[in-house]
PDB file of N, CA and C in Angstrom:
ATOM      1  N   MET A   1      25.673   4.441 -15.518  1.00  0.00           N
ATOM      2  CA  MET A   1      24.651   3.407 -15.243  1.00  0.00           C
ATOM      3  C   MET A   1      23.355   4.035 -14.833  1.00  0.00           C
ATOM      4  N   LYS A   2      22.256   3.634 -15.442  1.00  0.00           N
ATOM      5  CA  LYS A   2      20.938   4.169 -15.189  1.00  0.00           C
ATOM      6  C   LYS A   2      20.328   3.401 -13.982  1.00  0.00           C
ATOM      7  N   SER A   3      19.752   4.175 -13.083  1.00  0.00           N
ATOM      8  CA  SER A   3      19.139   3.614 -11.899  1.00  0.00           C
ATOM      9  C   SER A   3      17.636   3.577 -12.101  1.00  0.00           C
ATOM     10  N   THR A   4      17.000   2.483 -11.573  1.00  0.00           N
ATOM     11  CA  THR A   4      15.549   2.377 -11.641  1.00  0.00           C
ATOM     12  C   THR A   4      15.002   2.505 -10.254  1.00  0.00           C
ATOM     13  N   PHE A   5      13.837   3.138 -10.106  1.00  0.00           N
ATOM     14  CA  PHE A   5      13.208   3.356  -8.844  1.00  0.00           C
ATOM     15  C   PHE A   5      11.716   3.224  -8.998  1.00  0.00           C
ATOM     16  N   LYS A   6      11.044   2.456  -8.115  1.00  0.00           N
ATOM     17  CA  LYS A   6       9.625   2.276  -8.223  1.00  0.00           C
ATOM     18  C   LYS A   6       9.001   2.087  -6.846  1.00  0.00           C
ATOM     19  N   ILE A   7       7.878   2.758  -6.644  1.00  0.00           N
ATOM     20  CA  ILE A   7       7.086   2.509  -5.427  1.00  0.00           C
ATOM     21  C   ILE A   7       5.755   1.985  -5.839  1.00  0.00           C
ATOM     22  N   LEU A   8       5.382   0.852  -5.267  1.00  0.00           N
ATOM     23  CA  LEU A   8       4.127   0.181  -5.574  1.00  0.00           C
ATOM     24  C   LEU A   8       3.304  -0.039  -4.307  1.00  0.00           C
ATOM     25  N   PHE A   9       2.013   0.179  -4.388  1.00  0.00           N
ATOM     26  CA  PHE A   9       1.152  -0.064  -3.262  1.00  0.00           C
ATOM     27  C   PHE A   9       0.229  -1.244  -3.601  1.00  0.00           C
ATOM     28  N   TYR A  10      -0.026  -2.089  -2.625  1.00  0.00           N
ATOM     29  CA  TYR A  10      -0.924  -3.259  -2.848  1.00  0.00           C
ATOM     30  C   TYR A  10      -1.626  -3.588  -1.551  1.00  0.00           C
ATOM     31  N   LEU A  11      -2.675  -4.341  -1.634  1.00  0.00           N
ATOM     32  CA  LEU A  11      -3.487  -4.766  -0.475  1.00  0.00           C
ATOM     33  C   LEU A  11      -2.963  -6.072   0.038  1.00  0.00           C
ATOM     34  N   LYS A  12      -2.991  -6.214   1.326  1.00  0.00           N
ATOM     35  CA  LYS A  12      -2.606  -7.473   2.001  1.00  0.00           C
ATOM     36  C   LYS A  12      -3.938  -8.267   2.132  1.00  0.00           C
ATOM     37  N   ARG A  13      -4.390  -8.864   1.076  1.00  0.00           N
ATOM     38  CA  ARG A  13      -5.708  -9.495   1.005  1.00  0.00           C
ATOM     39  C   ARG A  13      -5.796 -10.747   1.888  1.00  0.00           C
ATOM     40  N   GLY A  14      -4.719 -11.302   2.290  1.00  0.00           N
ATOM     41  CA  GLY A  14      -4.769 -12.514   3.074  1.00  0.00           C
ATOM     42  C   GLY A  14      -5.178 -12.236   4.589  1.00  0.00           C
ATOM     43  N   ALA A  15      -5.142 -10.956   4.946  1.00  0.00           N
ATOM     44  CA  ALA A  15      -5.402 -10.610   6.342  1.00  0.00           C
ATOM     45  C   ALA A  15      -6.438  -9.546   6.405  1.00  0.00           C
ATOM     46  N   ILE A  16      -7.705  -9.911   6.101  1.00  0.00           N
ATOM     47  CA  ILE A  16      -8.807  -8.946   6.213  1.00  0.00           C
ATOM     48  C   ILE A  16      -9.145  -8.759   7.686  1.00  0.00           C
ATOM     49  N   ARG A  17      -9.296  -7.551   8.103  1.00  0.00           N
ATOM     50  CA  ARG A  17      -9.569  -7.199   9.465  1.00  0.00           C
ATOM     51  C   ARG A  17     -11.104  -7.411   9.752  1.00  0.00           C
ATOM     52  N   ALA A  18     -11.448  -7.313  11.030  1.00  0.00           N
ATOM     53  CA  ALA A  18     -12.840  -7.519  11.445  1.00  0.00           C
ATOM     54  C   ALA A  18     -13.778  -6.472  10.818  1.00  0.00           C
ATOM     55  N   ASN A  19     -13.240  -5.287  10.540  1.00  0.00           N
ATOM     56  CA  ASN A  19     -14.071  -4.224   9.923  1.00  0.00           C
ATOM     57  C   ASN A  19     -14.233  -4.391   8.404  1.00  0.00           C
ATOM     58  N   GLY A  20     -13.660  -5.431   7.857  1.00  0.00           N
ATOM     59  CA  GLY A  20     -13.772  -5.722   6.419  1.00  0.00           C
ATOM     60  C   GLY A  20     -12.729  -5.042   5.560  1.00  0.00           C
ATOM     61  N   CYS A  21     -11.760  -4.347   6.195  1.00  0.00           N
ATOM     62  CA  CYS A  21     -10.720  -3.640   5.446  1.00  0.00           C
ATOM     63  C   CYS A  21      -9.423  -4.479   5.407  1.00  0.00           C
ATOM     64  N   ALA A  22      -8.617  -4.180   4.425  1.00  0.00           N
ATOM     65  CA  ALA A  22      -7.330  -4.785   4.295  1.00  0.00           C
ATOM     66  C   ALA A  22      -6.252  -3.721   4.397  1.00  0.00           C
ATOM     67  N   LEU A  23      -5.081  -4.105   4.910  1.00  0.00           N
ATOM     68  CA  LEU A  23      -3.955  -3.155   5.057  1.00  0.00           C
ATOM     69  C   LEU A  23      -3.405  -2.886   3.630  1.00  0.00           C
ATOM     70  N   ILE A  24      -2.935  -1.607   3.475  1.00  0.00           N
ATOM     71  CA  ILE A  24      -2.276  -1.245   2.261  1.00  0.00           C
ATOM     72  C   ILE A  24      -0.763  -1.363   2.536  1.00  0.00           C
ATOM     73  N   MET A  25      -0.098  -2.192   1.783  1.00  0.00           N
ATOM     74  CA  MET A  25       1.326  -2.366   1.906  1.00  0.00           C
ATOM     75  C   MET A  25       2.043  -1.605   0.771  1.00  0.00           C
ATOM     76  N   GLY A  26       3.351  -1.330   0.981  1.00  0.00           N
ATOM     77  CA  GLY A  26       4.128  -0.706  -0.032  1.00  0.00           C
ATOM     78  C   GLY A  26       5.348  -1.529  -0.334  1.00  0.00           C
ATOM     79  N   ARG A  27       5.806  -1.410  -1.596  1.00  0.00           N
ATOM     80  CA  ARG A  27       7.012  -2.099  -1.984  1.00  0.00           C
ATOM     81  C   ARG A  27       7.910  -1.056  -2.753  1.00  0.00           C
ATOM     82  N   ILE A  28       9.108  -0.867  -2.323  1.00  0.00           N
ATOM     83  CA  ILE A  28      10.047  -0.002  -2.980  1.00  0.00           C
ATOM     84  C   ILE A  28      11.117  -0.881  -3.665  1.00  0.00           C
ATOM     85  N   THR A  29      11.332  -0.587  -4.904  1.00  0.00           N
ATOM     86  CA  THR A  29      12.364  -1.328  -5.661  1.00  0.00           C
ATOM     87  C   THR A  29      13.321  -0.323  -6.272  1.00  0.00           C
ATOM     88  N   VAL A  30      14.604  -0.556  -6.067  1.00  0.00           N
ATOM     89  CA  VAL A  30      15.671   0.244  -6.643  1.00  0.00           C
ATOM     90  C   VAL A  30      16.649  -0.719  -7.279  1.00  0.00           C
ATOM     91  N   ASP A  31      16.822  -0.559  -8.561  1.00  0.00           N
ATOM     92  CA  ASP A  31      17.765  -1.462  -9.374  1.00  0.00           C
ATOM     93  C   ASP A  31      17.494  -2.908  -9.112  1.00  0.00           C
ATOM     94  N   GLY A  32      16.223  -3.301  -9.028  1.00  0.00           N
ATOM     95  CA  GLY A  32      15.842  -4.710  -8.859  1.00  0.00           C
ATOM     96  C   GLY A  32      15.886  -5.215  -7.439  1.00  0.00           C
ATOM     97  N   VAL A  33      16.348  -4.405  -6.486  1.00  0.00           N
ATOM     98  CA  VAL A  33      16.379  -4.833  -5.102  1.00  0.00           C
ATOM     99  C   VAL A  33      15.222  -4.141  -4.381  1.00  0.00           C
ATOM    100  N   GLY A  34      14.414  -4.935  -3.689  1.00  0.00           N
ATOM    101  CA  GLY A  34      13.223  -4.402  -3.114  1.00  0.00           C
ATOM    102  C   GLY A  34      13.081  -4.616  -1.634  1.00  0.00           C
ATOM    103  N   THR A  35      12.221  -3.835  -1.022  1.00  0.00           N
ATOM    104  CA  THR A  35      11.827  -4.001   0.352  1.00  0.00           C
ATOM    105  C   THR A  35      10.394  -3.653   0.496  1.00  0.00           C
ATOM    106  N   GLN A  36       9.707  -4.239   1.508  1.00  0.00           N
ATOM    107  CA  GLN A  36       8.309  -3.990   1.699  1.00  0.00           C
ATOM    108  C   GLN A  36       8.061  -3.276   3.045  1.00  0.00           C
ATOM    109  N   PHE A  37       6.970  -2.581   3.134  1.00  0.00           N
ATOM    110  CA  PHE A  37       6.602  -1.852   4.367  1.00  0.00           C
ATOM    111  C   PHE A  37       5.121  -1.703   4.464  1.00  0.00           C
ATOM    112  N   SER A  38       4.631  -1.499   5.688  1.00  0.00           N
ATOM    113  CA  SER A  38       3.240  -1.241   5.914  1.00  0.00           C
ATOM    114  C   SER A  38       2.996   0.255   5.916  1.00  0.00           C
ATOM    115  N   THR A  39       1.948   0.687   5.248  1.00  0.00           N
ATOM    116  CA  THR A  39       1.621   2.103   5.281  1.00  0.00           C
ATOM    117  C   THR A  39       0.742   2.459   6.489  1.00  0.00           C
ATOM    118  N   LYS A  40       0.270   1.456   7.203  1.00  0.00           N
ATOM    119  CA  LYS A  40      -0.653   1.604   8.359  1.00  0.00           C
ATOM    120  C   LYS A  40      -1.974   2.193   7.889  1.00  0.00           C
ATOM    121  N   LEU A  41      -2.273   2.136   6.629  1.00  0.00           N
ATOM    122  CA  LEU A  41      -3.568   2.562   6.052  1.00  0.00           C
ATOM    123  C   LEU A  41      -4.392   1.360   5.682  1.00  0.00           C
ATOM    124  N   GLU A  42      -5.679   1.490   5.613  1.00  0.00           N
ATOM    125  CA  GLU A  42      -6.559   0.382   5.218  1.00  0.00           C
ATOM    126  C   GLU A  42      -7.695   0.871   4.377  1.00  0.00           C
ATOM    127  N   VAL A  43      -8.181  -0.075   3.572  1.00  0.00           N
ATOM    128  CA  VAL A  43      -9.289   0.201   2.649  1.00  0.00           C
ATOM    129  C   VAL A  43     -10.039  -1.119   2.439  1.00  0.00           C
ATOM    130  N   LYS A  44     -11.321  -1.001   2.073  1.00  0.00           N
ATOM    131  CA  LYS A  44     -12.076  -2.180   1.735  1.00  0.00           C
ATOM    132  C   LYS A  44     -11.576  -2.727   0.404  1.00  0.00           C
ATOM    133  N   PRO A  45     -11.386  -4.060   0.281  1.00  0.00           N
ATOM    134  CA  PRO A  45     -10.830  -4.632  -0.946  1.00  0.00           C
ATOM    135  C   PRO A  45     -11.623  -4.280  -2.176  1.00  0.00           C
ATOM    136  N   GLU A  46     -12.958  -4.141  -2.093  1.00  0.00           N
ATOM    137  CA  GLU A  46     -13.728  -3.853  -3.262  1.00  0.00           C
ATOM    138  C   GLU A  46     -13.563  -2.329  -3.725  1.00  0.00           C
ATOM    139  N   GLU A  47     -12.953  -1.553  -2.874  1.00  0.00           N
ATOM    140  CA  GLU A  47     -12.668  -0.123  -3.210  1.00  0.00           C
ATOM    141  C   GLU A  47     -11.237   0.133  -3.622  1.00  0.00           C
ATOM    142  N   TRP A  48     -10.469  -0.964  -3.954  1.00  0.00           N
ATOM    143  CA  TRP A  48      -9.085  -0.808  -4.319  1.00  0.00           C
ATOM    144  C   TRP A  48      -8.887  -1.132  -5.819  1.00  0.00           C
ATOM    145  N   ASP A  49      -8.242  -0.197  -6.517  1.00  0.00           N
ATOM    146  CA  ASP A  49      -7.931  -0.360  -7.920  1.00  0.00           C
ATOM    147  C   ASP A  49      -6.523  -0.913  -8.043  1.00  0.00           C
ATOM    148  N   THR A  50      -6.356  -2.171  -8.364  1.00  0.00           N
ATOM    149  CA  THR A  50      -5.051  -2.832  -8.398  1.00  0.00           C
ATOM    150  C   THR A  50      -4.150  -2.221  -9.457  1.00  0.00           C
ATOM    151  N   LYS A  51      -4.673  -1.878 -10.598  1.00  0.00           N
ATOM    152  CA  LYS A  51      -3.863  -1.313 -11.679  1.00  0.00           C
ATOM    153  C   LYS A  51      -3.339   0.091 -11.352  1.00  0.00           C
ATOM    154  N   ALA A  52      -4.213   0.891 -10.710  1.00  0.00           N
ATOM    155  CA  ALA A  52      -3.815   2.245 -10.420  1.00  0.00           C
ATOM    156  C   ALA A  52      -3.132   2.364  -9.010  1.00  0.00           C
ATOM    157  N   ASN A  53      -3.145   1.338  -8.248  1.00  0.00           N
ATOM    158  CA  ASN A  53      -2.577   1.307  -6.879  1.00  0.00           C
ATOM    159  C   ASN A  53      -3.164   2.429  -6.033  1.00  0.00           C
ATOM    160  N   ARG A  54      -4.484   2.573  -6.099  1.00  0.00           N
ATOM    161  CA  ARG A  54      -5.153   3.618  -5.426  1.00  0.00           C
ATOM    162  C   ARG A  54      -6.575   3.168  -4.956  1.00  0.00           C
ATOM    163  N   ALA A  55      -7.139   3.851  -4.025  1.00  0.00           N
ATOM    164  CA  ALA A  55      -8.503   3.580  -3.587  1.00  0.00           C
ATOM    165  C   ALA A  55      -9.425   4.227  -4.616  1.00  0.00           C
ATOM    166  N   THR A  56     -10.532   3.590  -4.867  1.00  0.00           N
ATOM    167  CA  THR A  56     -11.530   4.113  -5.841  1.00  0.00           C
ATOM    168  C   THR A  56     -12.670   4.797  -5.061  1.00  0.00           C
ATOM    169  N   GLY A  57     -13.462   5.513  -5.738  1.00  0.00           N
ATOM    170  CA  GLY A  57     -14.642   6.120  -5.108  1.00  0.00           C
ATOM    171  C   GLY A  57     -14.306   7.558  -4.673  1.00  0.00           C
ATOM    172  N   ARG A  58     -15.316   8.298  -4.312  1.00  0.00           N
ATOM    173  CA  ARG A  58     -15.176   9.662  -3.985  1.00  0.00           C
ATOM    174  C   ARG A  58     -15.427   9.969  -2.490  1.00  0.00           C
ATOM    175  N   SER A  59     -15.462   8.927  -1.689  1.00  0.00           N
ATOM    176  CA  SER A  59     -15.704   9.165  -0.248  1.00  0.00           C
ATOM    177  C   SER A  59     -14.497   9.929   0.326  1.00  0.00           C
ATOM    178  N   ASN A  60     -14.779  10.624   1.422  1.00  0.00           N
ATOM    179  CA  ASN A  60     -13.664  11.391   2.095  1.00  0.00           C
ATOM    180  C   ASN A  60     -12.599  10.452   2.529  1.00  0.00           C
ATOM    181  N   ALA A  61     -12.927   9.285   3.035  1.00  0.00           N
ATOM    182  CA  ALA A  61     -11.921   8.342   3.533  1.00  0.00           C
ATOM    183  C   ALA A  61     -11.009   7.897   2.408  1.00  0.00           C
ATOM    184  N   ASN A  62     -11.596   7.586   1.251  1.00  0.00           N
ATOM    185  CA  ASN A  62     -10.758   7.145   0.104  1.00  0.00           C
ATOM    186  C   ASN A  62      -9.926   8.272  -0.448  1.00  0.00           C
ATOM    187  N   LYS A  63     -10.454   9.509  -0.436  1.00  0.00           N
ATOM    188  CA  LYS A  63      -9.618  10.631  -0.883  1.00  0.00           C
ATOM    189  C   LYS A  63      -8.479  10.861   0.082  1.00  0.00           C
ATOM    190  N   GLN A  64      -8.723  10.702   1.343  1.00  0.00           N
ATOM    191  CA  GLN A  64      -7.630  10.883   2.321  1.00  0.00           C
ATOM    192  C   GLN A  64      -6.549   9.815   2.163  1.00  0.00           C
ATOM    193  N   VAL A  65      -7.015   8.548   1.932  1.00  0.00           N
ATOM    194  CA  VAL A  65      -6.036   7.464   1.690  1.00  0.00           C
ATOM    195  C   VAL A  65      -5.149   7.752   0.492  1.00  0.00           C
ATOM    196  N   ASN A  66      -5.810   8.204  -0.607  1.00  0.00           N
ATOM    197  CA  ASN A  66      -5.028   8.508  -1.852  1.00  0.00           C
ATOM    198  C   ASN A  66      -4.073   9.667  -1.590  1.00  0.00           C
ATOM    199  N   SER A  67      -4.514  10.631  -0.840  1.00  0.00           N
ATOM    200  CA  SER A  67      -3.633  11.764  -0.532  1.00  0.00           C
ATOM    201  C   SER A  67      -2.408  11.321   0.288  1.00  0.00           C
ATOM    202  N   LEU A  68      -2.673  10.467   1.277  1.00  0.00           N
ATOM    203  CA  LEU A  68      -1.559   9.965   2.099  1.00  0.00           C
ATOM    204  C   LEU A  68      -0.595   9.114   1.309  1.00  0.00           C
ATOM    205  N   LEU A  69      -1.138   8.321   0.348  1.00  0.00           N
ATOM    206  CA  LEU A  69      -0.257   7.484  -0.489  1.00  0.00           C
ATOM    207  C   LEU A  69       0.654   8.378  -1.336  1.00  0.00           C
ATOM    208  N   GLU A  70       0.124   9.491  -1.845  1.00  0.00           N
ATOM    209  CA  GLU A  70       0.948  10.438  -2.586  1.00  0.00           C
ATOM    210  C   GLU A  70       1.963  11.062  -1.691  1.00  0.00           C
ATOM    211  N   GLU A  71       1.669  11.362  -0.469  1.00  0.00           N
ATOM    212  CA  GLU A  71       2.634  11.899   0.474  1.00  0.00           C
ATOM    213  C   GLU A  71       3.767  10.943   0.706  1.00  0.00           C
ATOM    214  N   ILE A  72       3.404   9.680   0.848  1.00  0.00           N
ATOM    215  CA  ILE A  72       4.416   8.619   1.062  1.00  0.00           C
ATOM    216  C   ILE A  72       5.363   8.552  -0.156  1.00  0.00           C
ATOM    217  N   LYS A  73       4.805   8.645  -1.354  1.00  0.00           N
ATOM    218  CA  LYS A  73       5.645   8.628  -2.533  1.00  0.00           C
ATOM    219  C   LYS A  73       6.667   9.763  -2.540  1.00  0.00           C
ATOM    220  N   ARG A  74       6.172  10.978  -2.174  1.00  0.00           N
ATOM    221  CA  ARG A  74       7.037  12.163  -2.178  1.00  0.00           C
ATOM    222  C   ARG A  74       8.001  12.145  -0.978  1.00  0.00           C
ATOM    223  N   ALA A  75       7.751  11.388   0.049  1.00  0.00           N
ATOM    224  CA  ALA A  75       8.565  11.403   1.247  1.00  0.00           C
ATOM    225  C   ALA A  75       9.905  10.664   1.138  1.00  0.00           C
ATOM    226  N   PHE A  76      10.079   9.846   0.091  1.00  0.00           N
ATOM    227  CA  PHE A  76      11.259   9.040  -0.033  1.00  0.00           C
ATOM    228  C   PHE A  76      12.202   9.577  -1.055  1.00  0.00           C
ATOM    229  N   PRO A  77      13.232  10.380  -0.666  1.00  0.00           N
ATOM    230  CA  PRO A  77      14.241  10.778  -1.633  1.00  0.00           C
ATOM    231  C   PRO A  77      15.132   9.571  -1.963  1.00  0.00           C
ATOM    232  N   LEU A  78      15.675   9.553  -3.142  1.00  0.00           N
ATOM    233  CA  LEU A  78      16.471   8.402  -3.624  1.00  0.00           C
ATOM    234  C   LEU A  78      17.634   8.023  -2.747  1.00  0.00           C
ATOM    235  N   PRO A  79      18.445   8.953  -2.245  1.00  0.00           N
ATOM    236  CA  PRO A  79      19.600   8.522  -1.306  1.00  0.00           C
ATOM    237  C   PRO A  79      19.106   7.784  -0.115  1.00  0.00           C
ATOM    238  N   GLN A  80      17.965   8.231   0.440  1.00  0.00           N
ATOM    239  CA  GLN A  80      17.406   7.551   1.605  1.00  0.00           C
ATOM    240  C   GLN A  80      16.982   6.125   1.259  1.00  0.00           C
ATOM    241  N   ILE A  81      16.421   5.895   0.092  1.00  0.00           N
ATOM    242  CA  ILE A  81      16.034   4.584  -0.370  1.00  0.00           C
ATOM    243  C   ILE A  81      17.224   3.666  -0.467  1.00  0.00           C
ATOM    244  N   TYR A  82      18.324   4.161  -1.058  1.00  0.00           N
ATOM    245  CA  TYR A  82      19.549   3.323  -1.167  1.00  0.00           C
ATOM    246  C   TYR A  82      20.042   2.935   0.195  1.00  0.00           C
ATOM    247  N   PHE A  83      19.972   3.833   1.182  1.00  0.00           N
ATOM    248  CA  PHE A  83      20.420   3.531   2.519  1.00  0.00           C
ATOM    249  C   PHE A  83      19.510   2.441   3.136  1.00  0.00           C
ATOM    250  N   LEU A  84      18.198   2.581   3.005  1.00  0.00           N
ATOM    251  CA  LEU A  84      17.290   1.578   3.624  1.00  0.00           C
ATOM    252  C   LEU A  84      17.469   0.196   3.007  1.00  0.00           C
ATOM    253  N   LEU A  85      17.719   0.147   1.707  1.00  0.00           N
ATOM    254  CA  LEU A  85      17.917  -1.142   1.038  1.00  0.00           C
ATOM    255  C   LEU A  85      19.246  -1.802   1.380  1.00  0.00           C
ATOM    256  N   SER A  86      20.221  -1.021   1.875  1.00  0.00           N
ATOM    257  CA  SER A  86      21.523  -1.542   2.231  1.00  0.00           C
ATOM    258  C   SER A  86      21.551  -2.169   3.624  1.00  0.00           C
ATOM    259  N   LEU A  87      20.478  -1.954   4.388  1.00  0.00           N
ATOM    260  CA  LEU A  87      20.421  -2.500   5.793  1.00  0.00           C
ATOM    261  C   LEU A  87      20.188  -4.029   5.785  1.00  0.00           C
TER     262      LEU A  87
END
């Protein structure tokens, strides 16, 4: 049986903070079963690329956000994901 695994990042646009930024949320899906989590990162909605799931622009803040999102992607080994989804 082939297993599917996907990590997606998106903005929580319904809750814009006072500083004008929105939280970046994550969704992990394994074999059609998903769970959501907060990355504790934020970015301005106009600086978010929905298709690429990344912050746009070349500012140091956006580069750091993109770097941290890549670290999050690498931090989840598949066995750990299966365990988290079974809770």
